[in-house]
Amino acid sequence: MTAHNITVLRQLKLNGMAQALLQQREQPGTYQALSFEERLQLLIDHEQQSRDTRKQQRLLTGATLKVAANAREINYEQPRGLNQSVIAGLLSCGWVTKHQNILITGPCGSGKTYLACALAHTAILKGHSAKYYRLSRLLMELSQHKADGSYSKALKQLAKYDILILDDWGLEPLKAAQRNDLMEIMDDRHQLTSTIMVSQLPTEEWYQAIGDNTLADAILDRLMHNAHRLKLKGESMRKVTSELTENEHLG
């Protein structure tokens, strides 16, 4: 009878519950002292945990984060201007539920992308969706979407992500069409979702980087008015890591 029930549970896509029932059957001594309600609760809990795990994995895969960053591995020892209490507050993910943005600036190699991905990873574990893009590649993709008639669909998809990471902002001058694309993205997401913008340029240079006064006002107003600003400094974390590794070998 139990084998039949397990088969039916799997047909109903209750795989977590089926696995838990199989475990109860294989270890009867562990569960025989429990009441029916307690054993049923264990089945329900296992199914919920299984679904949460599958959802997290699906969100992580879909986010295409550039690095497999983890908040527990953020380096606060190097003098980069990182305030641990500020980061701890952001890791609570209240900024996501409040539809606020994060602006991360700093020199090349200072750990901006890692920090952005770590914040997104934590949010994903809490059930939020995210997507990582290098801005230049996203703008290139949008140009292709215009050519094949799927531009509107692509914008709608971008608007759905709880968190959108746009990395390497300001590395290249924006063309007129790209400024319009960025405006569309920011307008769709304004006060509805959150954006993490990552750039080597300090925020005071972003206006000039956009290249059009009217669009710069509109884009930056939507991006900055409710944003948390993280300004990293110091030498490249890649250089620091390399030196530490070299010293370990020498030691």
C-alpha atoms as a PDB file:
ATOM      1  CA  MET A   1       0.000   0.000   0.000  1.00  0.00           C
ATOM      2  CA  THR A   2       2.842   2.380   0.880  1.00  0.00           C
ATOM      3  CA  ALA A   3       4.532   1.752  -2.461  1.00  0.00           C
ATOM      4  CA  HIS A   4       1.298   2.629  -4.257  1.00  0.00           C
ATOM      5  CA  ASN A   5       0.942   5.821  -2.232  1.00  0.00           C
ATOM      6  CA  ILE A   6       4.506   6.828  -3.080  1.00  0.00           C
ATOM      7  CA  THR A   7       3.794   6.300  -6.777  1.00  0.00           C
ATOM      8  CA  VAL A   8       0.631   8.414  -6.571  1.00  0.00           C
ATOM      9  CA  LEU A   9       2.443  11.175  -4.675  1.00  0.00           C
ATOM     10  CA  ARG A  10       5.085  11.333  -7.397  1.00  0.00           C
ATOM     11  CA  GLN A  11       2.430  11.428 -10.089  1.00  0.00           C
ATOM     12  CA  LEU A  12       0.940  14.409  -8.237  1.00  0.00           C
ATOM     13  CA  LYS A  13       4.432  15.996  -8.259  1.00  0.00           C
ATOM     14  CA  LEU A  14       4.638  15.746  -4.452  1.00  0.00           C
ATOM     15  CA  ASN A  15       8.144  14.334  -4.688  1.00  0.00           C
ATOM     16  CA  GLY A  16       9.313  15.707  -1.351  1.00  0.00           C
ATOM     17  CA  MET A  17       6.382  14.100   0.427  1.00  0.00           C
ATOM     18  CA  ALA A  18       6.992  10.830  -1.433  1.00  0.00           C
ATOM     19  CA  GLN A  19      10.640  10.815  -0.345  1.00  0.00           C
ATOM     20  CA  ALA A  20       9.661  11.472   3.267  1.00  0.00           C
ATOM     21  CA  LEU A  21       7.063   8.675   3.215  1.00  0.00           C
ATOM     22  CA  LEU A  22       9.660   6.288   1.793  1.00  0.00           C
ATOM     23  CA  GLN A  23      12.011   7.262   4.612  1.00  0.00           C
ATOM     24  CA  GLN A  24       9.294   6.560   7.190  1.00  0.00           C
ATOM     25  CA  ARG A  25       8.713   3.145   5.661  1.00  0.00           C
ATOM     26  CA  GLU A  26      12.419   2.263   5.652  1.00  0.00           C
ATOM     27  CA  GLN A  27      12.963   3.452   9.241  1.00  0.00           C
ATOM     28  CA  PRO A  28       9.755   2.417  11.046  1.00  0.00           C
ATOM     29  CA  GLY A  29      11.364   2.403  14.489  1.00  0.00           C
ATOM     30  CA  THR A  30      12.201   6.098  14.224  1.00  0.00           C
ATOM     31  CA  TYR A  31       8.612   7.152  13.589  1.00  0.00           C
ATOM     32  CA  GLN A  32       6.399   4.529  15.287  1.00  0.00           C
ATOM     33  CA  ALA A  33       6.050   6.546  18.500  1.00  0.00           C
ATOM     34  CA  LEU A  34       4.676   9.546  16.564  1.00  0.00           C
ATOM     35  CA  SER A  35       0.988  10.221  16.110  1.00  0.00           C
ATOM     36  CA  PHE A  36      -0.663  10.287  12.689  1.00  0.00           C
ATOM     37  CA  GLU A  37      -0.790  14.076  12.773  1.00  0.00           C
ATOM     38  CA  GLU A  38       2.910  14.332  13.662  1.00  0.00           C
ATOM     39  CA  ARG A  39       3.950  11.976  10.853  1.00  0.00           C
ATOM     40  CA  LEU A  40       1.721  13.858   8.408  1.00  0.00           C
ATOM     41  CA  GLN A  41       3.312  17.135   9.494  1.00  0.00           C
ATOM     42  CA  LEU A  42       6.750  15.676   8.748  1.00  0.00           C
ATOM     43  CA  LEU A  43       5.588  14.781   5.241  1.00  0.00           C
ATOM     44  CA  ILE A  44       4.214  18.284   4.683  1.00  0.00           C
ATOM     45  CA  ASP A  45       7.368  19.932   6.038  1.00  0.00           C
ATOM     46  CA  HIS A  46       9.581  17.814   3.796  1.00  0.00           C
ATOM     47  CA  GLU A  47       7.499  18.708   0.750  1.00  0.00           C
ATOM     48  CA  GLN A  48       7.737  22.431   1.574  1.00  0.00           C
ATOM     49  CA  GLN A  49      11.499  22.221   2.081  1.00  0.00           C
ATOM     50  CA  SER A  50      11.871  20.320  -1.180  1.00  0.00           C
ATOM     51  CA  ARG A  51       9.877  22.937  -3.087  1.00  0.00           C
ATOM     52  CA  ASP A  52      11.832  25.802  -1.507  1.00  0.00           C
ATOM     53  CA  THR A  53      15.119  24.143  -2.474  1.00  0.00           C
ATOM     54  CA  ARG A  54      13.992  23.582  -6.062  1.00  0.00           C
ATOM     55  CA  LYS A  55      12.794  27.179  -6.325  1.00  0.00           C
ATOM     56  CA  GLN A  56      16.106  28.507  -5.022  1.00  0.00           C
ATOM     57  CA  GLN A  57      18.030  26.406  -7.511  1.00  0.00           C
ATOM     58  CA  ARG A  58      15.773  27.549 -10.343  1.00  0.00           C
ATOM     59  CA  LEU A  59      16.227  31.199  -9.373  1.00  0.00           C
ATOM     60  CA  LEU A  60      20.003  30.824  -9.010  1.00  0.00           C
ATOM     61  CA  THR A  61      20.276  29.191 -12.420  1.00  0.00           C
ATOM     62  CA  GLY A  62      18.105  31.859 -14.037  1.00  0.00           C
ATOM     63  CA  ALA A  63      20.032  34.724 -12.419  1.00  0.00           C
ATOM     64  CA  THR A  64      23.263  33.860 -14.316  1.00  0.00           C
ATOM     65  CA  LEU A  65      25.323  35.634 -11.639  1.00  0.00           C
ATOM     66  CA  LYS A  66      28.852  36.327 -12.877  1.00  0.00           C
ATOM     67  CA  VAL A  67      30.473  34.898  -9.744  1.00  0.00           C
ATOM     68  CA  ALA A  68      29.313  32.327  -7.210  1.00  0.00           C
ATOM     69  CA  ALA A  69      29.365  34.877  -4.414  1.00  0.00           C
ATOM     70  CA  ASN A  70      28.348  34.193  -0.831  1.00  0.00           C
ATOM     71  CA  ALA A  71      27.636  36.831   1.789  1.00  0.00           C
ATOM     72  CA  ARG A  72      29.545  34.824   4.403  1.00  0.00           C
ATOM     73  CA  GLU A  73      32.717  35.244   2.351  1.00  0.00           C
ATOM     74  CA  ILE A  74      32.633  39.022   1.954  1.00  0.00           C
ATOM     75  CA  ASN A  75      36.045  40.351   2.985  1.00  0.00           C
ATOM     76  CA  TYR A  76      35.810  43.133   5.561  1.00  0.00           C
ATOM     77  CA  GLU A  77      39.466  42.974   6.583  1.00  0.00           C
ATOM     78  CA  GLN A  78      40.858  44.841   3.583  1.00  0.00           C
ATOM     79  CA  PRO A  79      40.419  48.633   3.854  1.00  0.00           C
ATOM     80  CA  ARG A  80      37.841  49.011   1.073  1.00  0.00           C
ATOM     81  CA  GLY A  81      35.383  51.328   2.800  1.00  0.00           C
ATOM     82  CA  LEU A  82      32.924  48.494   3.472  1.00  0.00           C
ATOM     83  CA  ASN A  83      30.796  49.061   6.571  1.00  0.00           C
ATOM     84  CA  GLN A  84      29.861  45.651   7.950  1.00  0.00           C
ATOM     85  CA  SER A  85      26.735  46.924   9.695  1.00  0.00           C
ATOM     86  CA  VAL A  86      25.525  48.584   6.478  1.00  0.00           C
ATOM     87  CA  ILE A  87      26.057  45.375   4.512  1.00  0.00           C
ATOM     88  CA  ALA A  88      24.314  43.376   7.241  1.00  0.00           C
ATOM     89  CA  GLY A  89      21.315  45.671   6.889  1.00  0.00           C
ATOM     90  CA  LEU A  90      21.256  45.167   3.125  1.00  0.00           C
ATOM     91  CA  LEU A  91      21.503  41.398   3.567  1.00  0.00           C
ATOM     92  CA  SER A  92      18.161  41.501   5.376  1.00  0.00           C
ATOM     93  CA  CYS A  93      16.767  42.325   1.900  1.00  0.00           C
ATOM     94  CA  GLY A  94      14.448  45.077   3.078  1.00  0.00           C
ATOM     95  CA  TRP A  95      15.711  47.148   0.144  1.00  0.00           C
ATOM     96  CA  VAL A  96      14.199  44.561  -2.207  1.00  0.00           C
ATOM     97  CA  THR A  97      10.767  44.568  -0.615  1.00  0.00           C
ATOM     98  CA  LYS A  98      10.856  48.392  -0.548  1.00  0.00           C
ATOM     99  CA  HIS A  99      11.899  48.497  -4.242  1.00  0.00           C
ATOM    100  CA  GLN A 100      15.063  50.448  -3.520  1.00  0.00           C
ATOM    101  CA  ASN A 101      18.240  50.453  -5.602  1.00  0.00           C
ATOM    102  CA  ILE A 102      21.925  49.930  -4.804  1.00  0.00           C
ATOM    103  CA  LEU A 103      24.747  51.834  -6.492  1.00  0.00           C
ATOM    104  CA  ILE A 104      28.189  50.238  -6.118  1.00  0.00           C
ATOM    105  CA  THR A 105      31.205  52.241  -7.276  1.00  0.00           C
ATOM    106  CA  GLY A 106      34.943  51.809  -6.931  1.00  0.00           C
ATOM    107  CA  PRO A 107      38.175  51.114  -8.790  1.00  0.00           C
ATOM    108  CA  CYS A 108      38.783  48.059 -10.947  1.00  0.00           C
ATOM    109  CA  GLY A 109      39.226  44.888  -8.903  1.00  0.00           C
ATOM    110  CA  SER A 110      37.834  46.316  -5.652  1.00  0.00           C
ATOM    111  CA  GLY A 111      35.165  43.617  -5.405  1.00  0.00           C
ATOM    112  CA  LYS A 112      32.137  45.481  -6.744  1.00  0.00           C
ATOM    113  CA  THR A 113      30.794  42.611  -8.841  1.00  0.00           C
ATOM    114  CA  TYR A 114      31.341  40.080  -6.063  1.00  0.00           C
ATOM    115  CA  LEU A 115      29.445  42.277  -3.610  1.00  0.00           C
ATOM    116  CA  ALA A 116      26.560  42.777  -6.062  1.00  0.00           C
ATOM    117  CA  CYS A 117      26.315  39.032  -6.683  1.00  0.00           C
ATOM    118  CA  ALA A 118      26.515  38.259  -2.963  1.00  0.00           C
ATOM    119  CA  LEU A 119      23.612  40.615  -2.253  1.00  0.00           C
ATOM    120  CA  ALA A 120      21.598  39.058  -5.079  1.00  0.00           C
ATOM    121  CA  HIS A 121      22.461  35.522  -3.929  1.00  0.00           C
ATOM    122  CA  THR A 122      21.146  36.265  -0.440  1.00  0.00           C
ATOM    123  CA  ALA A 123      17.958  37.718  -1.902  1.00  0.00           C
ATOM    124  CA  ILE A 124      17.480  34.645  -4.086  1.00  0.00           C
ATOM    125  CA  LEU A 125      17.733  32.405  -1.024  1.00  0.00           C
ATOM    126  CA  LYS A 126      14.858  34.453   0.385  1.00  0.00           C
ATOM    127  CA  GLY A 127      12.767  33.779  -2.721  1.00  0.00           C
ATOM    128  CA  HIS A 128      13.456  36.885  -4.835  1.00  0.00           C
ATOM    129  CA  SER A 129      14.259  36.655  -8.549  1.00  0.00           C
ATOM    130  CA  ALA A 130      17.387  38.267  -9.976  1.00  0.00           C
ATOM    131  CA  LYS A 131      19.276  38.662 -13.246  1.00  0.00           C
ATOM    132  CA  TYR A 132      22.858  39.710 -13.939  1.00  0.00           C
ATOM    133  CA  TYR A 133      23.967  41.550 -17.080  1.00  0.00           C
ATOM    134  CA  ARG A 134      26.997  43.434 -18.240  1.00  0.00           C
ATOM    135  CA  LEU A 135      25.290  46.603 -19.462  1.00  0.00           C
ATOM    136  CA  SER A 136      26.985  46.544 -22.870  1.00  0.00           C
ATOM    137  CA  ARG A 137      25.774  42.994 -23.541  1.00  0.00           C
ATOM    138  CA  LEU A 138      22.250  43.789 -22.425  1.00  0.00           C
ATOM    139  CA  LEU A 139      22.107  46.779 -24.762  1.00  0.00           C
ATOM    140  CA  MET A 140      23.426  44.609 -27.582  1.00  0.00           C
ATOM    141  CA  GLU A 141      20.728  42.009 -26.888  1.00  0.00           C
ATOM    142  CA  LEU A 142      18.039  44.695 -26.899  1.00  0.00           C
ATOM    143  CA  SER A 143      19.267  45.880 -30.286  1.00  0.00           C
ATOM    144  CA  GLN A 144      18.859  42.330 -31.583  1.00  0.00           C
ATOM    145  CA  HIS A 145      15.377  42.144 -30.066  1.00  0.00           C
ATOM    146  CA  LYS A 146      14.424  45.266 -31.982  1.00  0.00           C
ATOM    147  CA  ALA A 147      15.585  43.624 -35.182  1.00  0.00           C
ATOM    148  CA  ASP A 148      13.534  40.460 -34.690  1.00  0.00           C
ATOM    149  CA  GLY A 149      10.431  42.149 -33.278  1.00  0.00           C
ATOM    150  CA  SER A 150      10.747  40.854 -29.690  1.00  0.00           C
ATOM    151  CA  TYR A 151      11.829  44.146 -28.075  1.00  0.00           C
ATOM    152  CA  SER A 152       8.599  44.715 -26.148  1.00  0.00           C
ATOM    153  CA  LYS A 153       8.648  41.144 -24.829  1.00  0.00           C
ATOM    154  CA  ALA A 154      12.264  41.543 -23.702  1.00  0.00           C
ATOM    155  CA  LEU A 155      11.478  44.763 -21.804  1.00  0.00           C
ATOM    156  CA  LYS A 156       8.549  43.083 -20.058  1.00  0.00           C
ATOM    157  CA  GLN A 157      10.805  40.252 -18.947  1.00  0.00           C
ATOM    158  CA  LEU A 158      13.403  42.674 -17.589  1.00  0.00           C
ATOM    159  CA  ALA A 159      10.702  44.494 -15.651  1.00  0.00           C
ATOM    160  CA  LYS A 160       9.696  41.271 -13.876  1.00  0.00           C
ATOM    161  CA  TYR A 161      12.968  40.581 -12.083  1.00  0.00           C
ATOM    162  CA  ASP A 162      12.925  41.614  -8.430  1.00  0.00           C
ATOM    163  CA  ILE A 163      16.608  42.512  -8.813  1.00  0.00           C
ATOM    164  CA  LEU A 164      18.415  43.524 -11.988  1.00  0.00           C
ATOM    165  CA  ILE A 165      22.218  43.820 -11.796  1.00  0.00           C
ATOM    166  CA  LEU A 166      23.754  46.080 -14.449  1.00  0.00           C
ATOM    167  CA  ASP A 167      27.534  45.745 -14.304  1.00  0.00           C
ATOM    168  CA  ASP A 168      30.287  47.837 -15.934  1.00  0.00           C
ATOM    169  CA  TRP A 169      28.074  50.896 -16.250  1.00  0.00           C
ATOM    170  CA  GLY A 170      29.834  53.849 -17.860  1.00  0.00           C
ATOM    171  CA  LEU A 171      32.718  51.977 -19.504  1.00  0.00           C
ATOM    172  CA  GLU A 172      31.551  52.924 -22.989  1.00  0.00           C
ATOM    173  CA  PRO A 173      29.727  56.028 -24.284  1.00  0.00           C
ATOM    174  CA  LEU A 174      26.023  55.431 -24.844  1.00  0.00           C
ATOM    175  CA  LYS A 175      24.514  55.851 -28.269  1.00  0.00           C
ATOM    176  CA  ALA A 176      21.171  57.597 -28.609  1.00  0.00           C
ATOM    177  CA  ALA A 177      19.240  54.332 -29.007  1.00  0.00           C
ATOM    178  CA  GLN A 178      21.016  52.863 -25.975  1.00  0.00           C
ATOM    179  CA  ARG A 179      20.084  55.857 -23.836  1.00  0.00           C
ATOM    180  CA  ASN A 180      16.465  55.305 -24.823  1.00  0.00           C
ATOM    181  CA  ASP A 181      16.758  51.605 -23.966  1.00  0.00           C
ATOM    182  CA  LEU A 182      18.160  52.409 -20.536  1.00  0.00           C
ATOM    183  CA  MET A 183      15.367  54.910 -19.975  1.00  0.00           C
ATOM    184  CA  GLU A 184      12.762  52.267 -20.844  1.00  0.00           C
ATOM    185  CA  ILE A 185      14.326  49.823 -18.387  1.00  0.00           C
ATOM    186  CA  MET A 186      14.527  52.328 -15.543  1.00  0.00           C
ATOM    187  CA  ASP A 187      11.016  53.627 -16.138  1.00  0.00           C
ATOM    188  CA  ASP A 188       9.506  50.128 -16.117  1.00  0.00           C
ATOM    189  CA  ARG A 189      11.277  49.233 -12.875  1.00  0.00           C
ATOM    190  CA  HIS A 190      10.865  52.546 -11.040  1.00  0.00           C
ATOM    191  CA  GLN A 191       9.361  51.976  -7.558  1.00  0.00           C
ATOM    192  CA  LEU A 192       8.264  48.475  -8.598  1.00  0.00           C
ATOM    193  CA  THR A 193      11.506  46.506  -8.461  1.00  0.00           C
ATOM    194  CA  SER A 194      15.166  46.991  -7.502  1.00  0.00           C
ATOM    195  CA  THR A 195      18.290  47.605  -9.566  1.00  0.00           C
ATOM    196  CA  ILE A 196      21.949  47.178  -8.600  1.00  0.00           C
ATOM    197  CA  MET A 197      24.171  49.404 -10.727  1.00  0.00           C
ATOM    198  CA  VAL A 198      27.916  48.634 -10.685  1.00  0.00           C
ATOM    199  CA  SER A 199      30.462  51.107 -12.050  1.00  0.00           C
ATOM    200  CA  GLN A 200      34.071  52.224 -11.890  1.00  0.00           C
ATOM    201  CA  LEU A 201      32.824  55.782 -12.333  1.00  0.00           C
ATOM    202  CA  PRO A 202      31.858  57.770  -9.234  1.00  0.00           C
ATOM    203  CA  THR A 203      28.164  58.646  -9.248  1.00  0.00           C
ATOM    204  CA  GLU A 204      28.889  62.346  -9.845  1.00  0.00           C
ATOM    205  CA  GLU A 205      30.225  61.418 -13.302  1.00  0.00           C
ATOM    206  CA  TRP A 206      27.195  59.367 -14.342  1.00  0.00           C
ATOM    207  CA  TYR A 207      25.289  62.369 -15.647  1.00  0.00           C
ATOM    208  CA  GLN A 208      28.007  63.182 -18.162  1.00  0.00           C
ATOM    209  CA  ALA A 209      28.410  59.488 -19.091  1.00  0.00           C
ATOM    210  CA  ILE A 210      24.816  59.314 -20.310  1.00  0.00           C
ATOM    211  CA  GLY A 211      25.444  62.128 -22.776  1.00  0.00           C
ATOM    212  CA  ASP A 212      21.961  63.629 -23.081  1.00  0.00           C
ATOM    213  CA  ASN A 213      20.839  66.129 -20.466  1.00  0.00           C
ATOM    214  CA  THR A 214      17.123  65.396 -20.626  1.00  0.00           C
ATOM    215  CA  LEU A 215      17.484  61.616 -20.546  1.00  0.00           C
ATOM    216  CA  ALA A 216      20.246  61.824 -17.940  1.00  0.00           C
ATOM    217  CA  ASP A 217      17.895  63.711 -15.610  1.00  0.00           C
ATOM    218  CA  ALA A 218      15.117  61.166 -16.131  1.00  0.00           C
ATOM    219  CA  ILE A 219      17.283  58.051 -15.830  1.00  0.00           C
ATOM    220  CA  LEU A 220      19.280  59.165 -12.796  1.00  0.00           C
ATOM    221  CA  ASP A 221      16.195  60.460 -11.003  1.00  0.00           C
ATOM    222  CA  ARG A 222      14.632  57.003 -11.223  1.00  0.00           C
ATOM    223  CA  LEU A 223      17.861  55.281 -10.290  1.00  0.00           C
ATOM    224  CA  MET A 224      19.252  57.454  -7.494  1.00  0.00           C
ATOM    225  CA  HIS A 225      16.409  58.962  -5.512  1.00  0.00           C
ATOM    226  CA  ASN A 226      15.919  55.912  -3.269  1.00  0.00           C
ATOM    227  CA  ALA A 227      19.335  54.269  -3.661  1.00  0.00           C
ATOM    228  CA  HIS A 228      21.840  52.919  -1.173  1.00  0.00           C
ATOM    229  CA  ARG A 229      25.350  53.988  -2.221  1.00  0.00           C
ATOM    230  CA  LEU A 230      28.377  51.793  -1.592  1.00  0.00           C
ATOM    231  CA  LYS A 231      31.684  53.432  -2.485  1.00  0.00           C
ATOM    232  CA  LEU A 232      34.546  50.940  -2.495  1.00  0.00           C
ATOM    233  CA  LYS A 233      38.166  52.031  -2.467  1.00  0.00           C
ATOM    234  CA  GLY A 234      41.651  50.600  -2.147  1.00  0.00           C
ATOM    235  CA  GLU A 235      43.795  48.362  -4.317  1.00  0.00           C
ATOM    236  CA  SER A 236      42.578  45.458  -6.394  1.00  0.00           C
ATOM    237  CA  MET A 237      41.262  42.507  -4.405  1.00  0.00           C
ATOM    238  CA  ARG A 238      42.644  40.272  -7.141  1.00  0.00           C
ATOM    239  CA  LYS A 239      46.129  41.669  -6.444  1.00  0.00           C
ATOM    240  CA  VAL A 240      45.690  41.233  -2.687  1.00  0.00           C
ATOM    241  CA  THR A 241      44.538  37.636  -3.121  1.00  0.00           C
ATOM    242  CA  SER A 242      47.467  36.902  -5.441  1.00  0.00           C
ATOM    243  CA  GLU A 243      49.952  38.343  -2.948  1.00  0.00           C
ATOM    244  CA  LEU A 244      48.453  36.341  -0.075  1.00  0.00           C
ATOM    245  CA  THR A 245      48.649  33.154  -2.096  1.00  0.00           C
ATOM    246  CA  GLU A 246      52.246  33.877  -3.066  1.00  0.00           C
ATOM    247  CA  ASN A 247      53.180  34.555   0.560  1.00  0.00           C
ATOM    248  CA  GLU A 248      51.557  31.287   1.627  1.00  0.00           C
ATOM    249  CA  HIS A 249      53.703  29.399  -0.901  1.00  0.00           C
ATOM    250  CA  LEU A 250      56.836  31.236   0.243  1.00  0.00           C
ATOM    251  CA  GLY A 251      55.982  30.466   3.858  1.00  0.00           C
END
